[in-house]
């Protein structure tokens, strides 16, 4: 009889404890999954063959992928830097990418906007074609701005190569016809 009373009292403690443990283990699994997907998305953005920059609502660089860092001549320490600080380091003429990003904090988005980009390592002026989008918080407020672009000179170089290849193909067809 004493063992039964002890088991009944244990059951009142053990069942809620088991439920709490079950919830804690499920939360641990969910946090692990969330961490995996966060890291996966970071890797995906980092290796993308596009110029990607994200600023937060305080106009600080939240994300700058490796392609953009390499293009502009920055290192990973640029994350957290105020956009104004990066803008001061540039000697490029308006409109600047920072101007587009700051406009995004006011809700203005741009599509296919060509902007000069100062390349610090080579001290040359490059050109990028950018699209910006506003990132919104669940309540609808502006949480940040993302800019995704491509190197215009690289695109034009590829276009020239395609045109040259087409000319050679046409010449080959002409020669074959003769």
N, C-alpha and C. Protein backbone atom coordinates (compact mmCIF):
# COMPACT_ATOMS: atom_id res chain seq x y z
N UNK A 1 0.81 -1.20 0.00
CA UNK A 1 0.00 0.00 0.00
C UNK A 1 0.86 1.27 0.00
N UNK A 2 1.96 1.30 0.71
CA UNK A 2 2.81 2.49 0.76
C UNK A 2 3.45 2.74 -0.61
N UNK A 3 3.87 1.69 -1.31
CA UNK A 3 4.50 1.82 -2.62
C UNK A 3 3.52 2.43 -3.62
N UNK A 4 2.22 2.06 -3.55
CA UNK A 4 1.21 2.60 -4.45
C UNK A 4 1.02 4.09 -4.21
N UNK A 5 0.97 4.50 -2.94
CA UNK A 5 0.83 5.92 -2.63
C UNK A 5 2.03 6.71 -3.12
N UNK A 6 3.21 6.14 -3.00
CA UNK A 6 4.42 6.81 -3.45
C UNK A 6 4.41 6.96 -4.97
N UNK A 7 3.98 5.92 -5.70
CA UNK A 7 3.90 5.97 -7.16
C UNK A 7 2.88 7.00 -7.61
N UNK A 8 1.75 7.08 -6.93
CA UNK A 8 0.73 8.05 -7.30
C UNK A 8 1.25 9.47 -7.09
N UNK A 9 1.99 9.70 -6.03
CA UNK A 9 2.53 11.05 -5.80
C UNK A 9 3.64 11.35 -6.81
N UNK A 10 4.41 10.33 -7.17
CA UNK A 10 5.46 10.53 -8.18
C UNK A 10 4.85 10.87 -9.54
N UNK A 11 3.73 10.24 -9.84
CA UNK A 11 3.08 10.45 -11.13
C UNK A 11 2.66 11.90 -11.30
N UNK A 12 2.18 12.52 -10.23
CA UNK A 12 1.76 13.93 -10.30
C UNK A 12 2.95 14.85 -10.59
N UNK A 13 4.14 14.46 -10.23
CA UNK A 13 5.34 15.27 -10.47
C UNK A 13 5.99 14.89 -11.79
N UNK A 14 6.03 13.59 -12.06
CA UNK A 14 6.76 13.09 -13.22
C UNK A 14 6.08 13.48 -14.53
N UNK A 15 4.77 13.41 -14.63
CA UNK A 15 4.06 13.70 -15.89
C UNK A 15 4.28 15.16 -16.31
N UNK A 16 4.06 16.17 -15.44
CA UNK A 16 4.36 17.55 -15.87
C UNK A 16 5.84 17.75 -16.21
N UNK A 17 6.72 17.08 -15.46
CA UNK A 17 8.15 17.18 -15.74
C UNK A 17 8.48 16.58 -17.11
N UNK A 18 7.87 15.45 -17.43
CA UNK A 18 8.08 14.81 -18.73
C UNK A 18 7.54 15.70 -19.85
N UNK A 19 6.39 16.34 -19.61
CA UNK A 19 5.83 17.26 -20.61
C UNK A 19 6.77 18.45 -20.84
N UNK A 20 7.30 19.01 -19.76
CA UNK A 20 8.24 20.13 -19.88
C UNK A 20 9.50 19.71 -20.63
N UNK A 21 9.99 18.52 -20.32
CA UNK A 21 11.18 18.00 -20.99
C UNK A 21 10.90 17.79 -22.47
N UNK A 22 9.73 17.28 -22.81
CA UNK A 22 9.34 17.07 -24.20
C UNK A 22 9.31 18.40 -24.96
N UNK A 23 8.72 19.43 -24.35
CA UNK A 23 8.66 20.76 -24.97
C UNK A 23 10.06 21.34 -25.13
N UNK A 24 10.90 21.18 -24.12
CA UNK A 24 12.27 21.70 -24.19
C UNK A 24 13.05 21.01 -25.31
N UNK A 25 12.90 19.70 -25.45
CA UNK A 25 13.60 18.97 -26.52
C UNK A 25 13.09 19.40 -27.90
N UNK A 26 11.79 19.61 -28.04
CA UNK A 26 11.23 20.07 -29.32
C UNK A 26 11.76 21.46 -29.65
N UNK A 27 11.81 22.34 -28.67
CA UNK A 27 12.36 23.69 -28.89
C UNK A 27 13.82 23.62 -29.31
N UNK A 28 14.57 22.73 -28.69
CA UNK A 28 15.97 22.55 -29.05
C UNK A 28 16.10 22.11 -30.51
N UNK A 29 15.25 21.19 -30.94
CA UNK A 29 15.23 20.76 -32.34
C UNK A 29 14.90 21.93 -33.27
N UNK A 30 13.89 22.73 -32.89
CA UNK A 30 13.50 23.87 -33.72
C UNK A 30 14.61 24.91 -33.80
N UNK A 31 15.28 25.17 -32.69
CA UNK A 31 16.40 26.11 -32.71
C UNK A 31 17.52 25.59 -33.59
N UNK A 32 17.77 24.30 -33.54
CA UNK A 32 18.79 23.70 -34.40
C UNK A 32 18.44 23.85 -35.87
N UNK A 33 17.19 23.60 -36.22
CA UNK A 33 16.74 23.77 -37.61
C UNK A 33 16.85 25.22 -38.05
N UNK A 34 16.41 26.13 -37.19
CA UNK A 34 16.48 27.55 -37.52
C UNK A 34 17.92 27.99 -37.73
N UNK A 35 18.82 27.53 -36.88
CA UNK A 35 20.24 27.85 -37.01
C UNK A 35 20.80 27.29 -38.32
N UNK A 36 20.40 26.06 -38.67
CA UNK A 36 20.85 25.44 -39.93
C UNK A 36 20.41 26.28 -41.13
N UNK A 37 19.12 26.64 -41.18
CA UNK A 37 18.61 27.41 -42.32
C UNK A 37 19.22 28.82 -42.36
N UNK A 38 19.43 29.43 -41.20
CA UNK A 38 20.08 30.74 -41.17
C UNK A 38 21.48 30.64 -41.76
N UNK A 39 22.25 29.66 -41.33
CA UNK A 39 23.61 29.47 -41.84
C UNK A 39 23.60 29.12 -43.32
N UNK A 40 22.63 28.30 -43.74
CA UNK A 40 22.50 27.92 -45.14
C UNK A 40 22.24 29.15 -46.01
N UNK A 41 21.31 30.01 -45.58
CA UNK A 41 21.00 31.22 -46.33
C UNK A 41 22.21 32.17 -46.37
N UNK A 42 22.93 32.28 -45.27
CA UNK A 42 24.14 33.11 -45.26
C UNK A 42 25.16 32.61 -46.27
N UNK A 43 25.37 31.29 -46.29
CA UNK A 43 26.33 30.71 -47.24
C UNK A 43 25.87 30.96 -48.68
N UNK A 44 24.59 30.79 -48.91
CA UNK A 44 24.04 30.97 -50.24
C UNK A 44 24.24 32.41 -50.72
N UNK A 45 23.97 33.37 -49.87
CA UNK A 45 24.17 34.78 -50.22
C UNK A 45 25.64 35.08 -50.40
N UNK A 46 26.47 34.52 -49.53
CA UNK A 46 27.90 34.80 -49.57
C UNK A 46 28.56 34.31 -50.85
N UNK A 47 28.12 33.17 -51.38
CA UNK A 47 28.76 32.63 -52.58
C UNK A 47 28.04 33.03 -53.87
N UNK A 48 26.96 33.79 -53.76
CA UNK A 48 26.23 34.20 -54.96
C UNK A 48 27.13 35.05 -55.85
N UNK A 49 27.01 34.84 -57.14
CA UNK A 49 27.79 35.60 -58.12
C UNK A 49 27.05 36.89 -58.46
N UNK A 50 26.74 37.66 -57.43
CA UNK A 50 26.05 38.93 -57.57
C UNK A 50 26.58 39.85 -56.49
N UNK A 51 26.45 41.13 -56.72
CA UNK A 51 26.85 42.13 -55.73
C UNK A 51 25.66 42.33 -54.79
N UNK A 52 25.80 41.91 -53.53
CA UNK A 52 24.69 41.96 -52.58
C UNK A 52 25.10 42.74 -51.34
N UNK A 53 24.25 43.69 -50.96
CA UNK A 53 24.44 44.46 -49.73
C UNK A 53 23.08 44.65 -49.07
N UNK A 54 23.07 44.55 -47.75
CA UNK A 54 21.85 44.78 -46.97
C UNK A 54 22.20 45.75 -45.86
N UNK A 55 21.35 46.77 -45.70
CA UNK A 55 21.52 47.68 -44.56
C UNK A 55 20.32 47.51 -43.64
N UNK A 56 20.55 47.76 -42.35
CA UNK A 56 19.46 47.65 -41.39
C UNK A 56 18.77 49.01 -41.25
N UNK A 57 17.79 49.09 -40.38
CA UNK A 57 17.03 50.33 -40.22
C UNK A 57 17.86 51.48 -39.68
N UNK A 58 19.03 51.16 -39.09
CA UNK A 58 19.93 52.20 -38.59
C UNK A 58 20.97 52.60 -39.63
N UNK A 59 20.80 52.15 -40.87
CA UNK A 59 21.70 52.44 -42.00
C UNK A 59 23.11 51.90 -41.76
N UNK A 60 23.19 50.75 -41.12
CA UNK A 60 24.46 50.05 -40.95
C UNK A 60 24.46 48.83 -41.84
N UNK A 61 25.63 48.46 -42.34
CA UNK A 61 25.74 47.30 -43.21
C UNK A 61 25.45 46.04 -42.38
N UNK A 62 24.40 45.33 -42.75
CA UNK A 62 24.03 44.09 -42.06
C UNK A 62 24.61 42.88 -42.79
N UNK A 63 24.66 42.97 -44.12
CA UNK A 63 25.19 41.89 -44.96
C UNK A 63 25.91 42.52 -46.15
N UNK A 64 27.09 42.03 -46.44
CA UNK A 64 27.78 42.36 -47.69
C UNK A 64 28.47 41.07 -48.10
N UNK A 65 27.99 40.48 -49.19
CA UNK A 65 28.54 39.17 -49.56
C UNK A 65 29.98 39.31 -50.06
N UNK A 66 30.66 38.16 -50.19
CA UNK A 66 32.07 38.16 -50.56
C UNK A 66 32.32 38.79 -51.92
N UNK A 67 31.39 38.59 -52.86
CA UNK A 67 31.55 39.18 -54.19
C UNK A 67 31.58 40.70 -54.09
N UNK A 68 30.68 41.27 -53.31
CA UNK A 68 30.63 42.73 -53.13
C UNK A 68 31.85 43.22 -52.36
N UNK A 69 32.24 42.48 -51.32
CA UNK A 69 33.43 42.86 -50.56
C UNK A 69 34.66 42.89 -51.46
N UNK A 70 34.82 41.86 -52.27
CA UNK A 70 35.97 41.78 -53.17
C UNK A 70 35.92 42.91 -54.20
N UNK A 71 34.74 43.16 -54.76
CA UNK A 71 34.58 44.21 -55.78
C UNK A 71 34.95 45.57 -55.22
N UNK A 72 34.46 45.87 -54.01
CA UNK A 72 34.71 47.20 -53.42
C UNK A 72 36.02 47.28 -52.65
N UNK A 73 36.61 46.13 -52.34
CA UNK A 73 37.87 46.14 -51.61
C UNK A 73 37.72 46.19 -50.11
N UNK A 74 36.66 45.63 -49.58
CA UNK A 74 36.44 45.58 -48.14
C UNK A 74 36.64 44.15 -47.65
N UNK A 75 36.77 44.03 -46.34
CA UNK A 75 36.85 42.72 -45.70
C UNK A 75 35.59 42.48 -44.92
N UNK A 76 35.50 41.33 -44.24
CA UNK A 76 34.30 41.01 -43.46
C UNK A 76 34.05 41.98 -42.31
N UNK A 77 35.06 42.75 -41.94
CA UNK A 77 34.90 43.72 -40.85
C UNK A 77 33.99 44.88 -41.24
N UNK A 78 33.57 44.95 -42.50
CA UNK A 78 32.69 46.02 -42.94
C UNK A 78 31.28 45.85 -42.36
N UNK A 79 30.94 44.62 -41.95
CA UNK A 79 29.62 44.36 -41.37
C UNK A 79 29.50 45.17 -40.07
N UNK A 80 28.40 45.89 -39.95
CA UNK A 80 28.18 46.74 -38.78
C UNK A 80 28.64 48.18 -38.98
N UNK A 81 29.33 48.45 -40.08
CA UNK A 81 29.81 49.80 -40.37
C UNK A 81 28.65 50.67 -40.85
N UNK A 82 28.55 51.90 -40.35
CA UNK A 82 27.50 52.78 -40.87
C UNK A 82 27.72 53.05 -42.36
N UNK A 83 26.65 53.07 -43.12
CA UNK A 83 26.72 53.31 -44.56
C UNK A 83 27.38 54.64 -44.87
N UNK A 84 27.15 55.62 -44.04
CA UNK A 84 27.75 56.95 -44.25
C UNK A 84 29.27 56.87 -44.21
N UNK A 85 29.81 56.00 -43.36
CA UNK A 85 31.26 55.83 -43.26
C UNK A 85 31.82 55.27 -44.57
N UNK A 86 31.12 54.31 -45.15
CA UNK A 86 31.55 53.74 -46.43
C UNK A 86 31.44 54.79 -47.53
N UNK A 87 30.38 55.57 -47.47
CA UNK A 87 30.17 56.62 -48.48
C UNK A 87 31.29 57.65 -48.45
N UNK A 88 31.79 57.97 -47.26
CA UNK A 88 32.87 58.95 -47.13
C UNK A 88 34.17 58.46 -47.77
N UNK A 89 34.34 57.13 -47.80
CA UNK A 89 35.56 56.55 -48.37
C UNK A 89 35.54 56.55 -49.90
N UNK A 90 34.41 56.85 -50.50
CA UNK A 90 34.27 56.81 -51.95
C UNK A 90 34.42 58.20 -52.54
N UNK A 91 34.99 58.26 -53.73
CA UNK A 91 35.10 59.55 -54.43
C UNK A 91 34.20 59.56 -55.66
N UNK A 92 33.34 58.58 -55.78
CA UNK A 92 32.48 58.47 -56.96
C UNK A 92 31.42 59.57 -56.97
N UNK A 93 31.00 59.91 -58.18
CA UNK A 93 29.96 60.93 -58.34
C UNK A 93 28.58 60.32 -58.10
N UNK A 94 27.61 61.17 -57.87
CA UNK A 94 26.23 60.72 -57.67
C UNK A 94 25.68 60.15 -58.98
N UNK A 95 24.67 59.31 -59.00
CA UNK A 95 24.06 58.73 -57.82
C UNK A 95 24.85 57.54 -57.30
N UNK A 96 24.98 57.46 -56.04
CA UNK A 96 25.73 56.38 -55.40
C UNK A 96 24.79 55.30 -54.93
N UNK A 97 25.35 54.15 -54.73
CA UNK A 97 24.57 53.04 -54.21
C UNK A 97 24.01 53.39 -52.84
N UNK A 98 24.80 54.10 -52.05
CA UNK A 98 24.33 54.47 -50.71
C UNK A 98 23.09 55.37 -50.80
N UNK A 99 23.01 56.20 -51.84
CA UNK A 99 21.84 57.05 -52.03
C UNK A 99 20.60 56.19 -52.28
N UNK A 100 20.75 55.15 -53.10
CA UNK A 100 19.63 54.25 -53.37
C UNK A 100 19.20 53.50 -52.11
N UNK A 101 20.18 53.03 -51.34
CA UNK A 101 19.86 52.29 -50.12
C UNK A 101 19.19 53.19 -49.09
N UNK A 102 19.67 54.41 -48.96
CA UNK A 102 19.05 55.34 -47.99
C UNK A 102 17.63 55.68 -48.43
N UNK A 103 17.40 55.79 -49.73
CA UNK A 103 16.03 56.04 -50.23
C UNK A 103 15.13 54.87 -49.87
N UNK A 104 15.70 53.66 -49.86
CA UNK A 104 14.94 52.48 -49.47
C UNK A 104 14.44 52.58 -48.04
N UNK A 105 15.21 53.20 -47.16
CA UNK A 105 14.76 53.38 -45.77
C UNK A 105 13.56 54.32 -45.69
N UNK A 106 13.32 55.07 -46.77
CA UNK A 106 12.13 55.93 -46.85
C UNK A 106 11.02 55.25 -47.66
N UNK A 107 11.26 53.98 -48.06
CA UNK A 107 10.24 53.22 -48.79
C UNK A 107 10.36 53.28 -50.30
N UNK A 108 11.42 53.89 -50.82
CA UNK A 108 11.58 54.01 -52.28
C UNK A 108 12.46 52.87 -52.78
N UNK A 109 11.98 52.17 -53.80
CA UNK A 109 12.73 51.06 -54.38
C UNK A 109 13.15 51.42 -55.81
N UNK A 110 14.26 50.85 -56.25
CA UNK A 110 14.78 51.12 -57.59
C UNK A 110 14.96 49.82 -58.36
N UNK A 111 14.79 49.90 -59.68
CA UNK A 111 15.03 48.77 -60.56
C UNK A 111 16.00 49.20 -61.66
N UNK A 112 16.97 48.33 -61.94
CA UNK A 112 17.92 48.54 -63.03
C UNK A 112 18.53 49.94 -63.03
N UNK A 113 19.07 50.31 -61.90
CA UNK A 113 19.70 51.62 -61.77
C UNK A 113 21.22 51.45 -61.83
N UNK A 114 21.84 52.08 -62.81
CA UNK A 114 23.29 51.98 -62.96
C UNK A 114 23.96 53.02 -62.07
N UNK A 115 24.90 52.56 -61.25
CA UNK A 115 25.57 53.45 -60.31
C UNK A 115 27.08 53.24 -60.37
N UNK A 116 27.84 54.30 -60.12
CA UNK A 116 29.29 54.14 -60.03
C UNK A 116 29.67 53.50 -58.70
N UNK A 117 30.68 52.68 -58.73
CA UNK A 117 31.17 52.02 -57.52
C UNK A 117 32.68 52.20 -57.44
N UNK A 118 33.15 52.78 -56.35
CA UNK A 118 34.58 53.02 -56.18
C UNK A 118 35.26 51.74 -55.73
N UNK A 119 36.23 51.29 -56.52
CA UNK A 119 36.97 50.07 -56.20
C UNK A 119 38.26 50.49 -55.51
N UNK A 120 38.28 50.27 -54.19
CA UNK A 120 39.38 50.76 -53.36
C UNK A 120 40.72 50.13 -53.70
N UNK A 121 40.75 48.83 -53.98
CA UNK A 121 42.03 48.16 -54.23
C UNK A 121 42.71 48.68 -55.47
N UNK A 122 41.95 48.88 -56.54
CA UNK A 122 42.53 49.34 -57.80
C UNK A 122 42.41 50.85 -57.97
N UNK A 123 41.70 51.49 -57.07
CA UNK A 123 41.42 52.92 -57.13
C UNK A 123 40.89 53.31 -58.50
N UNK A 124 39.90 52.55 -58.94
CA UNK A 124 39.22 52.81 -60.20
C UNK A 124 37.73 52.89 -59.96
N UNK A 125 37.06 53.44 -60.93
CA UNK A 125 35.61 53.56 -60.84
C UNK A 125 34.97 52.46 -61.66
N UNK A 126 34.18 51.62 -61.01
CA UNK A 126 33.43 50.58 -61.70
C UNK A 126 31.98 51.01 -61.82
N UNK A 127 31.19 50.18 -62.45
CA UNK A 127 29.78 50.48 -62.59
C UNK A 127 28.98 49.23 -62.26
N UNK A 128 27.90 49.42 -61.54
CA UNK A 128 27.02 48.32 -61.18
C UNK A 128 25.59 48.63 -61.56
N UNK A 129 24.84 47.60 -61.91
CA UNK A 129 23.41 47.74 -62.20
C UNK A 129 22.68 47.13 -61.01
N UNK A 130 21.93 47.95 -60.28
CA UNK A 130 21.33 47.52 -59.02
C UNK A 130 19.81 47.62 -59.01
N UNK A 131 19.24 46.69 -58.26
CA UNK A 131 17.83 46.72 -57.87
C UNK A 131 17.82 46.77 -56.35
N UNK A 132 16.96 47.59 -55.80
CA UNK A 132 16.83 47.64 -54.34
C UNK A 132 15.41 47.27 -53.95
N UNK A 133 15.29 46.64 -52.79
CA UNK A 133 13.98 46.27 -52.25
C UNK A 133 13.97 46.56 -50.76
N UNK A 134 12.81 46.99 -50.30
CA UNK A 134 12.62 47.28 -48.89
C UNK A 134 12.31 45.98 -48.16
N UNK A 135 12.96 45.78 -47.02
CA UNK A 135 12.68 44.62 -46.16
C UNK A 135 11.79 45.11 -45.03
N UNK A 136 10.64 44.49 -44.89
CA UNK A 136 9.67 44.94 -43.90
C UNK A 136 9.57 43.98 -42.72
N UNK A 137 9.37 44.54 -41.55
CA UNK A 137 9.13 43.77 -40.33
C UNK A 137 7.69 43.27 -40.36
N UNK A 138 7.34 42.31 -39.51
CA UNK A 138 5.95 41.80 -39.49
C UNK A 138 4.89 42.89 -39.29
N UNK A 139 5.25 43.97 -38.59
CA UNK A 139 4.28 45.03 -38.36
C UNK A 139 4.18 46.01 -39.54
N UNK A 140 4.97 45.77 -40.61
CA UNK A 140 4.92 46.63 -41.80
C UNK A 140 5.95 47.74 -41.82
N UNK A 141 6.63 47.96 -40.71
CA UNK A 141 7.66 49.01 -40.69
C UNK A 141 8.87 48.55 -41.48
N UNK A 142 9.67 49.50 -41.91
CA UNK A 142 10.85 49.19 -42.70
C UNK A 142 11.95 48.68 -41.78
N UNK A 143 12.42 47.47 -42.07
CA UNK A 143 13.43 46.81 -41.25
C UNK A 143 14.82 46.95 -41.86
N UNK A 144 14.87 47.18 -43.16
CA UNK A 144 16.14 47.31 -43.85
C UNK A 144 15.93 47.40 -45.34
N UNK A 145 17.05 47.40 -46.07
CA UNK A 145 17.00 47.50 -47.53
C UNK A 145 18.06 46.56 -48.10
N UNK A 146 17.71 45.85 -49.15
CA UNK A 146 18.66 44.99 -49.84
C UNK A 146 18.92 45.55 -51.23
N UNK A 147 20.17 45.54 -51.62
CA UNK A 147 20.56 45.92 -52.96
C UNK A 147 21.26 44.74 -53.62
N UNK A 148 20.78 44.35 -54.79
CA UNK A 148 21.38 43.24 -55.53
C UNK A 148 21.75 43.78 -56.91
N UNK A 149 23.01 43.57 -57.27
CA UNK A 149 23.46 44.12 -58.53
C UNK A 149 24.43 43.22 -59.26
N UNK A 150 24.87 43.72 -60.39
CA UNK A 150 25.86 43.00 -61.19
C UNK A 150 26.87 44.01 -61.74
N UNK A 151 28.04 43.50 -62.06
CA UNK A 151 29.13 44.31 -62.60
C UNK A 151 28.83 44.62 -64.06
N UNK A 152 28.59 45.89 -64.36
CA UNK A 152 28.22 46.30 -65.71
C UNK A 152 29.35 46.04 -66.70
N UNK A 153 30.59 46.34 -66.31
CA UNK A 153 31.72 46.12 -67.23
C UNK A 153 31.84 44.64 -67.61
N UNK A 154 31.64 43.77 -66.65
CA UNK A 154 31.71 42.33 -66.92
C UNK A 154 30.62 41.92 -67.90
N UNK A 155 29.40 42.45 -67.69
CA UNK A 155 28.30 42.14 -68.60
C UNK A 155 28.60 42.64 -70.01
N UNK A 156 29.12 43.86 -70.11
CA UNK A 156 29.44 44.43 -71.43
C UNK A 156 30.57 43.66 -72.10
N UNK A 157 31.54 43.20 -71.31
CA UNK A 157 32.63 42.40 -71.86
C UNK A 157 32.09 41.09 -72.42
N UNK A 158 31.17 40.45 -71.70
CA UNK A 158 30.57 39.22 -72.18
C UNK A 158 29.75 39.47 -73.44
N UNK A 159 29.05 40.61 -73.50
CA UNK A 159 28.28 40.96 -74.70
C UNK A 159 29.21 41.12 -75.90
N UNK A 160 30.36 41.80 -75.69
CA UNK A 160 31.33 41.98 -76.78
C UNK A 160 31.85 40.63 -77.26
N UNK A 161 32.10 39.72 -76.32
CA UNK A 161 32.59 38.39 -76.69
C UNK A 161 31.54 37.63 -77.51
N UNK A 162 30.28 37.75 -77.14
CA UNK A 162 29.21 37.09 -77.89
C UNK A 162 29.11 37.68 -79.29
N UNK A 163 29.18 38.99 -79.41
CA UNK A 163 29.12 39.64 -80.72
C UNK A 163 30.30 39.19 -81.58
N UNK A 164 31.49 39.13 -81.00
CA UNK A 164 32.68 38.69 -81.74
C UNK A 164 32.51 37.24 -82.20
N UNK A 165 31.98 36.39 -81.32
CA UNK A 165 31.76 34.99 -81.69
C UNK A 165 30.73 34.89 -82.81
N UNK A 166 29.69 35.72 -82.78
CA UNK A 166 28.69 35.71 -83.85
C UNK A 166 29.30 36.16 -85.17
N UNK A 167 30.17 37.17 -85.11
CA UNK A 167 30.84 37.64 -86.33
C UNK A 167 31.70 36.53 -86.92
N UNK A 168 32.45 35.83 -86.07
CA UNK A 168 33.29 34.74 -86.54
C UNK A 168 32.45 33.61 -87.12
N UNK A 169 31.31 33.32 -86.50
CA UNK A 169 30.42 32.28 -87.00
C UNK A 169 29.86 32.67 -88.36
N UNK A 170 29.50 33.91 -88.52
CA UNK A 170 28.98 34.41 -89.81
C UNK A 170 30.07 34.32 -90.87
N UNK A 171 31.29 34.72 -90.51
CA UNK A 171 32.40 34.64 -91.43
C UNK A 171 32.68 33.20 -91.84
N UNK A 172 32.58 32.29 -90.88
CA UNK A 172 32.76 30.85 -91.16
C UNK A 172 31.70 30.33 -92.12
N UNK A 173 30.45 30.77 -91.92
CA UNK A 173 29.37 30.35 -92.81
C UNK A 173 29.59 30.91 -94.22
N UNK A 174 30.04 32.15 -94.30
CA UNK A 174 30.33 32.78 -95.58
C UNK A 174 31.44 32.03 -96.31
N UNK A 175 32.50 31.71 -95.56
CA UNK A 175 33.62 30.98 -96.15
C UNK A 175 33.20 29.59 -96.61
N UNK A 176 32.35 28.94 -95.83
CA UNK A 176 31.86 27.61 -96.20
C UNK A 176 30.99 27.68 -97.45
N UNK A 177 30.23 28.76 -97.58
CA UNK A 177 29.37 28.95 -98.76
C UNK A 177 30.17 29.20 -100.02
N UNK A 178 31.31 29.87 -99.88
CA UNK A 178 32.17 30.17 -101.04
C UNK A 178 32.85 28.90 -101.45
